[in-house]
Amino acid sequence: MSQINAPHTIRQHSDQTSARDRIAATSTRLGNDGGRHLSLLNVNQAAATLAVSKRTVQQLTADRLLAVVKFGRNVRYDLADLQRFAESRKVREIGWKKA
């Protein structure tokens, strides 16, 4: 029995880029308003950005806690909205309440 080498079936990443760098490279850039670009992410990219599961992002969207941009059935998340959402969920004080 001979071993079949199928190089096209092996997926390798030659560069060592982080997930955040890959998301930034694949995000959709729209607009021409003086240098400000709208970075839109799909649900998988939004989940990676928030470090949560895809299902969590979908549930937050269904609960209307995350704003979305819709193009027909396509749902995209603005990177600035995700950053504001994460910032609003920060816990400022850690520890026991003082009596």
PDB file of N, CA and C in Angstrom:
ATOM      1  N   MET A   1       0.845  -1.166   0.000  1.00  0.00           N
ATOM      2  CA  MET A   1       0.000   0.000   0.000  1.00  0.00           C
ATOM      3  C   MET A   1       0.898   1.238   0.000  1.00  0.00           C
ATOM      4  N   SER A   2       0.689   2.094  -0.960  1.00  0.00           N
ATOM      5  CA  SER A   2       1.516   3.292  -1.049  1.00  0.00           C
ATOM      6  C   SER A   2       0.792   4.477  -0.427  1.00  0.00           C
ATOM      7  N   GLN A   3       1.571   5.376   0.070  1.00  0.00           N
ATOM      8  CA  GLN A   3       1.016   6.571   0.695  1.00  0.00           C
ATOM      9  C   GLN A   3       0.840   7.635  -0.372  1.00  0.00           C
ATOM     10  N   ILE A   4      -0.316   8.258  -0.420  1.00  0.00           N
ATOM     11  CA  ILE A   4      -0.605   9.293  -1.408  1.00  0.00           C
ATOM     12  C   ILE A   4      -0.366  10.648  -0.761  1.00  0.00           C
ATOM     13  N   ASN A   5       0.508  11.413  -1.355  1.00  0.00           N
ATOM     14  CA  ASN A   5       0.766  12.763  -0.867  1.00  0.00           C
ATOM     15  C   ASN A   5      -0.139  13.722  -1.607  1.00  0.00           C
ATOM     16  N   ALA A   6      -0.958  14.421  -0.885  1.00  0.00           N
ATOM     17  CA  ALA A   6      -1.866  15.397  -1.479  1.00  0.00           C
ATOM     18  C   ALA A   6      -1.570  16.757  -0.866  1.00  0.00           C
ATOM     19  N   PRO A   7      -0.637  17.490  -1.443  1.00  0.00           N
ATOM     20  CA  PRO A   7      -0.253  18.766  -0.843  1.00  0.00           C
ATOM     21  C   PRO A   7      -1.390  19.786  -0.814  1.00  0.00           C
ATOM     22  N   HIS A   8      -2.343  19.639  -1.715  1.00  0.00           N
ATOM     23  CA  HIS A   8      -3.439  20.604  -1.730  1.00  0.00           C
ATOM     24  C   HIS A   8      -4.424  20.386  -0.583  1.00  0.00           C
ATOM     25  N   THR A   9      -4.358  19.257   0.087  1.00  0.00           N
ATOM     26  CA  THR A   9      -5.264  19.006   1.203  1.00  0.00           C
ATOM     27  C   THR A   9      -4.672  19.420   2.539  1.00  0.00           C
ATOM     28  N   ILE A  10      -3.404  19.729   2.570  1.00  0.00           N
ATOM     29  CA  ILE A  10      -2.745  20.140   3.804  1.00  0.00           C
ATOM     30  C   ILE A  10      -2.773  21.659   3.877  1.00  0.00           C
ATOM     31  N   ARG A  11      -3.341  22.166   4.959  1.00  0.00           N
ATOM     32  CA  ARG A  11      -3.446  23.611   5.116  1.00  0.00           C
ATOM     33  C   ARG A  11      -2.368  24.078   6.076  1.00  0.00           C
ATOM     34  N   GLN A  12      -1.484  24.914   5.577  1.00  0.00           N
ATOM     35  CA  GLN A  12      -0.406  25.420   6.415  1.00  0.00           C
ATOM     36  C   GLN A  12      -0.367  26.935   6.325  1.00  0.00           C
ATOM     37  N   HIS A  13      -0.057  27.543   7.433  1.00  0.00           N
ATOM     38  CA  HIS A  13       0.139  28.991   7.468  1.00  0.00           C
ATOM     39  C   HIS A  13       1.628  29.256   7.515  1.00  0.00           C
ATOM     40  N   SER A  14       2.140  29.834   6.450  1.00  0.00           N
ATOM     41  CA  SER A  14       3.574  30.077   6.414  1.00  0.00           C
ATOM     42  C   SER A  14       3.970  31.255   7.295  1.00  0.00           C
ATOM     43  N   ASP A  15       3.073  32.223   7.436  1.00  0.00           N
ATOM     44  CA  ASP A  15       3.409  33.356   8.296  1.00  0.00           C
ATOM     45  C   ASP A  15       2.748  33.165   9.658  1.00  0.00           C
ATOM     46  N   GLN A  16       3.276  33.802  10.645  1.00  0.00           N
ATOM     47  CA  GLN A  16       2.783  33.681  12.012  1.00  0.00           C
ATOM     48  C   GLN A  16       1.999  34.929  12.398  1.00  0.00           C
ATOM     49  N   THR A  17       0.893  35.211  11.692  1.00  0.00           N
ATOM     50  CA  THR A  17       0.082  36.379  12.010  1.00  0.00           C
ATOM     51  C   THR A  17      -0.945  36.012  13.062  1.00  0.00           C
ATOM     52  N   SER A  18      -1.299  36.981  13.867  1.00  0.00           N
ATOM     53  CA  SER A  18      -2.286  36.738  14.915  1.00  0.00           C
ATOM     54  C   SER A  18      -3.693  36.786  14.324  1.00  0.00           C
ATOM     55  N   ALA A  19      -4.646  36.285  15.083  1.00  0.00           N
ATOM     56  CA  ALA A  19      -6.040  36.295  14.628  1.00  0.00           C
ATOM     57  C   ALA A  19      -6.519  37.724  14.414  1.00  0.00           C
ATOM     58  N   ARG A  20      -6.106  38.612  15.293  1.00  0.00           N
ATOM     59  CA  ARG A  20      -6.521  40.013  15.168  1.00  0.00           C
ATOM     60  C   ARG A  20      -5.978  40.642  13.892  1.00  0.00           C
ATOM     61  N   ASP A  21      -4.737  40.304  13.523  1.00  0.00           N
ATOM     62  CA  ASP A  21      -4.160  40.821  12.285  1.00  0.00           C
ATOM     63  C   ASP A  21      -4.893  40.274  11.072  1.00  0.00           C
ATOM     64  N   ARG A  22      -5.258  38.986  11.123  1.00  0.00           N
ATOM     65  CA  ARG A  22      -5.993  38.405  10.003  1.00  0.00           C
ATOM     66  C   ARG A  22      -7.377  39.031   9.873  1.00  0.00           C
ATOM     67  N   ILE A  23      -8.016  39.317  11.009  1.00  0.00           N
ATOM     68  CA  ILE A  23      -9.332  39.959  10.976  1.00  0.00           C
ATOM     69  C   ILE A  23      -9.219  41.357  10.388  1.00  0.00           C
ATOM     70  N   ALA A  24      -8.209  42.083  10.805  1.00  0.00           N
ATOM     71  CA  ALA A  24      -8.021  43.433  10.283  1.00  0.00           C
ATOM     72  C   ALA A  24      -7.771  43.412   8.781  1.00  0.00           C
ATOM     73  N   ALA A  25      -7.052  42.406   8.318  1.00  0.00           N
ATOM     74  CA  ALA A  25      -6.741  42.323   6.892  1.00  0.00           C
ATOM     75  C   ALA A  25      -7.957  41.932   6.067  1.00  0.00           C
ATOM     76  N   THR A  26      -8.900  41.188   6.667  1.00  0.00           N
ATOM     77  CA  THR A  26     -10.046  40.726   5.905  1.00  0.00           C
ATOM     78  C   THR A  26     -11.301  41.540   6.142  1.00  0.00           C
ATOM     79  N   SER A  27     -11.243  42.520   7.025  1.00  0.00           N
ATOM     80  CA  SER A  27     -12.443  43.310   7.295  1.00  0.00           C
ATOM     81  C   SER A  27     -12.789  44.162   6.086  1.00  0.00           C
ATOM     82  N   THR A  28     -14.059  44.407   5.921  1.00  0.00           N
ATOM     83  CA  THR A  28     -14.554  45.195   4.804  1.00  0.00           C
ATOM     84  C   THR A  28     -14.377  46.666   5.122  1.00  0.00           C
ATOM     85  N   ARG A  29     -13.792  47.384   4.212  1.00  0.00           N
ATOM     86  CA  ARG A  29     -13.599  48.819   4.410  1.00  0.00           C
ATOM     87  C   ARG A  29     -14.495  49.580   3.443  1.00  0.00           C
ATOM     88  N   LEU A  30     -15.331  50.467   3.995  1.00  0.00           N
ATOM     89  CA  LEU A  30     -16.255  51.257   3.196  1.00  0.00           C
ATOM     90  C   LEU A  30     -16.100  52.731   3.533  1.00  0.00           C
ATOM     91  N   GLY A  31     -16.621  53.557   2.659  1.00  0.00           N
ATOM     92  CA  GLY A  31     -16.698  54.981   2.949  1.00  0.00           C
ATOM     93  C   GLY A  31     -15.483  55.756   2.491  1.00  0.00           C
ATOM     94  N   ASN A  32     -15.697  57.031   2.260  1.00  0.00           N
ATOM     95  CA  ASN A  32     -14.633  57.945   1.875  1.00  0.00           C
ATOM     96  C   ASN A  32     -14.954  59.285   2.509  1.00  0.00           C
ATOM     97  N   ASP A  33     -14.901  59.334   3.818  1.00  0.00           N
ATOM     98  CA  ASP A  33     -15.274  60.547   4.533  1.00  0.00           C
ATOM     99  C   ASP A  33     -14.077  61.136   5.279  1.00  0.00           C
ATOM    100  N   GLY A  34     -13.085  61.529   4.524  1.00  0.00           N
ATOM    101  CA  GLY A  34     -11.937  62.194   5.118  1.00  0.00           C
ATOM    102  C   GLY A  34     -11.020  61.265   5.878  1.00  0.00           C
ATOM    103  N   GLY A  35     -10.848  60.030   5.432  1.00  0.00           N
ATOM    104  CA  GLY A  35      -9.915  59.136   6.065  1.00  0.00           C
ATOM    105  C   GLY A  35     -10.534  58.172   7.068  1.00  0.00           C
ATOM    106  N   ARG A  36     -11.771  58.428   7.480  1.00  0.00           N
ATOM    107  CA  ARG A  36     -12.428  57.520   8.416  1.00  0.00           C
ATOM    108  C   ARG A  36     -13.055  56.378   7.627  1.00  0.00           C
ATOM    109  N   HIS A  37     -12.697  55.155   7.996  1.00  0.00           N
ATOM    110  CA  HIS A  37     -13.223  53.982   7.321  1.00  0.00           C
ATOM    111  C   HIS A  37     -14.113  53.203   8.273  1.00  0.00           C
ATOM    112  N   LEU A  38     -15.184  52.664   7.746  1.00  0.00           N
ATOM    113  CA  LEU A  38     -16.084  51.830   8.510  1.00  0.00           C
ATOM    114  C   LEU A  38     -15.602  50.397   8.381  1.00  0.00           C
ATOM    115  N   SER A  39     -15.146  49.802   9.476  1.00  0.00           N
ATOM    116  CA  SER A  39     -14.664  48.430   9.460  1.00  0.00           C
ATOM    117  C   SER A  39     -15.806  47.506   9.845  1.00  0.00           C
ATOM    118  N   LEU A  40     -16.245  46.695   8.895  1.00  0.00           N
ATOM    119  CA  LEU A  40     -17.348  45.785   9.131  1.00  0.00           C
ATOM    120  C   LEU A  40     -16.842  44.358   9.203  1.00  0.00           C
ATOM    121  N   LEU A  41     -17.303  43.635  10.233  1.00  0.00           N
ATOM    122  CA  LEU A  41     -16.868  42.270  10.464  1.00  0.00           C
ATOM    123  C   LEU A  41     -18.059  41.324  10.378  1.00  0.00           C
ATOM    124  N   ASN A  42     -17.823  40.105   9.905  1.00  0.00           N
ATOM    125  CA  ASN A  42     -18.896  39.109   9.929  1.00  0.00           C
ATOM    126  C   ASN A  42     -18.993  38.522  11.338  1.00  0.00           C
ATOM    127  N   VAL A  43     -19.925  37.606  11.535  1.00  0.00           N
ATOM    128  CA  VAL A  43     -20.185  37.086  12.879  1.00  0.00           C
ATOM    129  C   VAL A  43     -18.975  36.336  13.444  1.00  0.00           C
ATOM    130  N   ASN A  44     -18.254  35.601  12.604  1.00  0.00           N
ATOM    131  CA  ASN A  44     -17.073  34.878  13.088  1.00  0.00           C
ATOM    132  C   ASN A  44     -15.968  35.842  13.506  1.00  0.00           C
ATOM    133  N   GLN A  45     -15.774  36.890  12.736  1.00  0.00           N
ATOM    134  CA  GLN A  45     -14.759  37.888  13.065  1.00  0.00           C
ATOM    135  C   GLN A  45     -15.149  38.662  14.316  1.00  0.00           C
ATOM    136  N   ALA A  46     -16.444  38.981  14.452  1.00  0.00           N
ATOM    137  CA  ALA A  46     -16.922  39.686  15.643  1.00  0.00           C
ATOM    138  C   ALA A  46     -16.712  38.827  16.890  1.00  0.00           C
ATOM    139  N   ALA A  47     -16.984  37.529  16.769  1.00  0.00           N
ATOM    140  CA  ALA A  47     -16.785  36.619  17.896  1.00  0.00           C
ATOM    141  C   ALA A  47     -15.313  36.558  18.285  1.00  0.00           C
ATOM    142  N   ALA A  48     -14.438  36.503  17.296  1.00  0.00           N
ATOM    143  CA  ALA A  48     -12.999  36.474  17.586  1.00  0.00           C
ATOM    144  C   ALA A  48     -12.549  37.778  18.229  1.00  0.00           C
ATOM    145  N   THR A  49     -13.096  38.890  17.789  1.00  0.00           N
ATOM    146  CA  THR A  49     -12.727  40.192  18.346  1.00  0.00           C
ATOM    147  C   THR A  49     -13.137  40.296  19.810  1.00  0.00           C
ATOM    148  N   LEU A  50     -14.327  39.799  20.132  1.00  0.00           N
ATOM    149  CA  LEU A  50     -14.809  39.860  21.519  1.00  0.00           C
ATOM    150  C   LEU A  50     -14.337  38.677  22.357  1.00  0.00           C
ATOM    151  N   ALA A  51     -13.680  37.717  21.741  1.00  0.00           N
ATOM    152  CA  ALA A  51     -13.192  36.510  22.418  1.00  0.00           C
ATOM    153  C   ALA A  51     -14.337  35.717  23.040  1.00  0.00           C
ATOM    154  N   VAL A  52     -15.412  35.584  22.284  1.00  0.00           N
ATOM    155  CA  VAL A  52     -16.565  34.791  22.696  1.00  0.00           C
ATOM    156  C   VAL A  52     -16.947  33.870  21.542  1.00  0.00           C
ATOM    157  N   SER A  53     -17.935  33.029  21.758  1.00  0.00           N
ATOM    158  CA  SER A  53     -18.367  32.120  20.699  1.00  0.00           C
ATOM    159  C   SER A  53     -19.270  32.837  19.702  1.00  0.00           C
ATOM    160  N   LYS A  54     -19.401  32.223  18.548  1.00  0.00           N
ATOM    161  CA  LYS A  54     -20.282  32.746  17.500  1.00  0.00           C
ATOM    162  C   LYS A  54     -21.715  32.808  18.026  1.00  0.00           C
ATOM    163  N   ARG A  55     -22.122  31.785  18.767  1.00  0.00           N
ATOM    164  CA  ARG A  55     -23.478  31.733  19.306  1.00  0.00           C
ATOM    165  C   ARG A  55     -23.730  32.873  20.296  1.00  0.00           C
ATOM    166  N   THR A  56     -22.730  33.237  21.080  1.00  0.00           N
ATOM    167  CA  THR A  56     -22.878  34.359  22.018  1.00  0.00           C
ATOM    168  C   THR A  56     -23.123  35.654  21.266  1.00  0.00           C
ATOM    169  N   VAL A  57     -22.394  35.869  20.182  1.00  0.00           N
ATOM    170  CA  VAL A  57     -22.595  37.078  19.373  1.00  0.00           C
ATOM    171  C   VAL A  57     -24.001  37.065  18.776  1.00  0.00           C
ATOM    172  N   GLN A  58     -24.444  35.919  18.299  1.00  0.00           N
ATOM    173  CA  GLN A  58     -25.794  35.820  17.742  1.00  0.00           C
ATOM    174  C   GLN A  58     -26.855  36.107  18.803  1.00  0.00           C
ATOM    175  N   GLN A  59     -26.640  35.620  20.018  1.00  0.00           N
ATOM    176  CA  GLN A  59     -27.606  35.865  21.099  1.00  0.00           C
ATOM    177  C   GLN A  59     -27.610  37.337  21.507  1.00  0.00           C
ATOM    178  N   LEU A  60     -26.431  37.960  21.594  1.00  0.00           N
ATOM    179  CA  LEU A  60     -26.359  39.388  21.919  1.00  0.00           C
ATOM    180  C   LEU A  60     -27.051  40.217  20.846  1.00  0.00           C
ATOM    181  N   THR A  61     -26.949  39.783  19.605  1.00  0.00           N
ATOM    182  CA  THR A  61     -27.625  40.475  18.501  1.00  0.00           C
ATOM    183  C   THR A  61     -29.137  40.298  18.626  1.00  0.00           C
ATOM    184  N   ALA A  62     -29.591  39.075  18.903  1.00  0.00           N
ATOM    185  CA  ALA A  62     -31.024  38.805  19.047  1.00  0.00           C
ATOM    186  C   ALA A  62     -31.620  39.595  20.208  1.00  0.00           C
ATOM    187  N   ASP A  63     -30.844  39.769  21.270  1.00  0.00           N
ATOM    188  CA  ASP A  63     -31.282  40.552  22.431  1.00  0.00           C
ATOM    189  C   ASP A  63     -31.131  42.051  22.202  1.00  0.00           C
ATOM    190  N   ARG A  64     -30.655  42.416  21.030  1.00  0.00           N
ATOM    191  CA  ARG A  64     -30.437  43.822  20.623  1.00  0.00           C
ATOM    192  C   ARG A  64     -29.453  44.560  21.533  1.00  0.00           C
ATOM    193  N   LEU A  65     -28.452  43.822  22.002  1.00  0.00           N
ATOM    194  CA  LEU A  65     -27.379  44.445  22.779  1.00  0.00           C
ATOM    195  C   LEU A  65     -26.217  44.851  21.887  1.00  0.00           C
ATOM    196  N   LEU A  66     -26.123  44.237  20.707  1.00  0.00           N
ATOM    197  CA  LEU A  66     -25.110  44.592  19.719  1.00  0.00           C
ATOM    198  C   LEU A  66     -25.795  45.172  18.487  1.00  0.00           C
ATOM    199  N   ALA A  67     -25.304  46.303  18.030  1.00  0.00           N
ATOM    200  CA  ALA A  67     -25.832  46.916  16.819  1.00  0.00           C
ATOM    201  C   ALA A  67     -25.271  46.187  15.602  1.00  0.00           C
ATOM    202  N   VAL A  68     -26.060  46.080  14.557  1.00  0.00           N
ATOM    203  CA  VAL A  68     -25.624  45.414  13.332  1.00  0.00           C
ATOM    204  C   VAL A  68     -25.908  46.300  12.131  1.00  0.00           C
ATOM    205  N   VAL A  69     -25.185  46.015  11.061  1.00  0.00           N
ATOM    206  CA  VAL A  69     -25.431  46.625   9.756  1.00  0.00           C
ATOM    207  C   VAL A  69     -25.907  45.492   8.865  1.00  0.00           C
ATOM    208  N   LYS A  70     -27.083  45.654   8.260  1.00  0.00           N
ATOM    209  CA  LYS A  70     -27.641  44.576   7.444  1.00  0.00           C
ATOM    210  C   LYS A  70     -27.664  44.980   5.976  1.00  0.00           C
ATOM    211  N   PHE A  71     -27.257  44.036   5.143  1.00  0.00           N
ATOM    212  CA  PHE A  71     -27.352  44.150   3.698  1.00  0.00           C
ATOM    213  C   PHE A  71     -28.146  42.930   3.244  1.00  0.00           C
ATOM    214  N   GLY A  72     -29.446  43.063   3.134  1.00  0.00           N
ATOM    215  CA  GLY A  72     -30.277  41.896   2.843  1.00  0.00           C
ATOM    216  C   GLY A  72     -30.218  40.944   4.019  1.00  0.00           C
ATOM    217  N   ARG A  73     -29.758  39.703   3.765  1.00  0.00           N
ATOM    218  CA  ARG A  73     -29.611  38.730   4.852  1.00  0.00           C
ATOM    219  C   ARG A  73     -28.220  38.750   5.461  1.00  0.00           C
ATOM    220  N   ASN A  74     -27.328  39.540   4.897  1.00  0.00           N
ATOM    221  CA  ASN A  74     -25.962  39.626   5.423  1.00  0.00           C
ATOM    222  C   ASN A  74     -25.937  40.545   6.638  1.00  0.00           C
ATOM    223  N   VAL A  75     -25.337  40.068   7.708  1.00  0.00           N
ATOM    224  CA  VAL A  75     -25.227  40.833   8.948  1.00  0.00           C
ATOM    225  C   VAL A  75     -23.754  41.128   9.187  1.00  0.00           C
ATOM    226  N   ARG A  76     -23.434  42.384   9.446  1.00  0.00           N
ATOM    227  CA  ARG A  76     -22.060  42.798   9.725  1.00  0.00           C
ATOM    228  C   ARG A  76     -22.049  43.629  10.997  1.00  0.00           C
ATOM    229  N   TYR A  77     -20.905  43.593  11.666  1.00  0.00           N
ATOM    230  CA  TYR A  77     -20.721  44.308  12.929  1.00  0.00           C
ATOM    231  C   TYR A  77     -19.649  45.363  12.745  1.00  0.00           C
ATOM    232  N   ASP A  78     -19.953  46.593  13.160  1.00  0.00           N
ATOM    233  CA  ASP A  78     -18.985  47.680  13.093  1.00  0.00           C
ATOM    234  C   ASP A  78     -17.975  47.492  14.221  1.00  0.00           C
ATOM    235  N   LEU A  79     -16.696  47.540  13.876  1.00  0.00           N
ATOM    236  CA  LEU A  79     -15.634  47.349  14.864  1.00  0.00           C
ATOM    237  C   LEU A  79     -15.743  48.372  15.993  1.00  0.00           C
ATOM    238  N   ALA A  80     -16.087  49.606  15.678  1.00  0.00           N
ATOM    239  CA  ALA A  80     -16.224  50.647  16.703  1.00  0.00           C
ATOM    240  C   ALA A  80     -17.361  50.307  17.673  1.00  0.00           C
ATOM    241  N   ASP A  81     -18.464  49.736  17.166  1.00  0.00           N
ATOM    242  CA  ASP A  81     -19.572  49.322  18.039  1.00  0.00           C
ATOM    243  C   ASP A  81     -19.150  48.196  18.967  1.00  0.00           C
ATOM    244  N   LEU A  82     -18.365  47.255  18.452  1.00  0.00           N
ATOM    245  CA  LEU A  82     -17.878  46.154  19.289  1.00  0.00           C
ATOM    246  C   LEU A  82     -16.962  46.669  20.389  1.00  0.00           C
ATOM    247  N   GLN A  83     -16.118  47.636  20.053  1.00  0.00           N
ATOM    248  CA  GLN A  83     -15.218  48.211  21.050  1.00  0.00           C
ATOM    249  C   GLN A  83     -16.003  48.964  22.122  1.00  0.00           C
ATOM    250  N   ARG A  84     -17.035  49.719  21.715  1.00  0.00           N
ATOM    251  CA  ARG A  84     -17.875  50.430  22.690  1.00  0.00           C
ATOM    252  C   ARG A  84     -18.633  49.448  23.581  1.00  0.00           C
ATOM    253  N   PHE A  85     -19.117  48.351  22.983  1.00  0.00           N
ATOM    254  CA  PHE A  85     -19.826  47.334  23.757  1.00  0.00           C
ATOM    255  C   PHE A  85     -18.914  46.737  24.823  1.00  0.00           C
ATOM    256  N   ALA A  86     -17.704  46.367  24.433  1.00  0.00           N
ATOM    257  CA  ALA A  86     -16.752  45.792  25.386  1.00  0.00           C
ATOM    258  C   ALA A  86     -16.389  46.805  26.471  1.00  0.00           C
ATOM    259  N   GLU A  87     -16.203  48.044  26.096  1.00  0.00           N
ATOM    260  CA  GLU A  87     -15.855  49.097  27.059  1.00  0.00           C
ATOM    261  C   GLU A  87     -16.991  49.301  28.062  1.00  0.00           C
ATOM    262  N   SER A  88     -18.232  49.226  27.609  1.00  0.00           N
ATOM    263  CA  SER A  88     -19.375  49.432  28.510  1.00  0.00           C
ATOM    264  C   SER A  88     -19.550  48.278  29.492  1.00  0.00           C
ATOM    265  N   ARG A  89     -18.930  47.132  29.225  1.00  0.00           N
ATOM    266  CA  ARG A  89     -19.058  45.973  30.094  1.00  0.00           C
ATOM    267  C   ARG A  89     -17.896  45.826  31.073  1.00  0.00           C
ATOM    268  N   LYS A  90     -16.971  46.760  31.069  1.00  0.00           N
ATOM    269  CA  LYS A  90     -15.834  46.681  31.984  1.00  0.00           C
ATOM    270  C   LYS A  90     -16.281  46.863  33.421  1.00  0.00           C
ATOM    271  N   VAL A  91     -15.685  46.074  34.294  1.00  0.00           N
ATOM    272  CA  VAL A  91     -15.941  46.209  35.727  1.00  0.00           C
ATOM    273  C   VAL A  91     -14.849  47.109  36.279  1.00  0.00           C
ATOM    274  N   ARG A  92     -15.247  48.223  36.838  1.00  0.00           N
ATOM    275  CA  ARG A  92     -14.273  49.217  37.295  1.00  0.00           C
ATOM    276  C   ARG A  92     -13.702  48.898  38.666  1.00  0.00           C
ATOM    277  N   GLU A  93     -14.507  48.325  39.552  1.00  0.00           N
ATOM    278  CA  GLU A  93     -14.030  48.028  40.894  1.00  0.00           C
ATOM    279  C   GLU A  93     -14.047  46.530  41.111  1.00  0.00           C
ATOM    280  N   ILE A  94     -12.965  46.022  41.625  1.00  0.00           N
ATOM    281  CA  ILE A  94     -12.860  44.601  41.904  1.00  0.00           C
ATOM    282  C   ILE A  94     -12.620  44.423  43.393  1.00  0.00           C
ATOM    283  N   GLY A  95     -13.297  43.479  43.974  1.00  0.00           N
ATOM    284  CA  GLY A  95     -13.105  43.204  45.398  1.00  0.00           C
ATOM    285  C   GLY A  95     -14.409  43.302  46.152  1.00  0.00           C
ATOM    286  N   TRP A  96     -14.307  43.173  47.454  1.00  0.00           N
ATOM    287  CA  TRP A  96     -15.463  43.204  48.315  1.00  0.00           C
ATOM    288  C   TRP A  96     -15.952  44.631  48.506  1.00  0.00           C
ATOM    289  N   LYS A  97     -17.247  44.748  48.713  1.00  0.00           N
ATOM    290  CA  LYS A  97     -17.806  46.056  49.014  1.00  0.00           C
ATOM    291  C   LYS A  97     -17.389  46.476  50.427  1.00  0.00           C
ATOM    292  N   LYS A  98     -17.103  47.737  50.581  1.00  0.00           N
ATOM    293  CA  LYS A  98     -16.733  48.234  51.902  1.00  0.00           C
ATOM    294  C   LYS A  98     -17.989  48.478  52.729  1.00  0.00           C
ATOM    295  N   ALA A  99     -17.941  48.121  54.006  1.00  0.00           N
ATOM    296  CA  ALA A  99     -19.110  48.261  54.886  1.00  0.00           C
ATOM    297  C   ALA A  99     -19.274  49.664  55.392  1.00  0.00           C
TER     298      ALA A  99
END
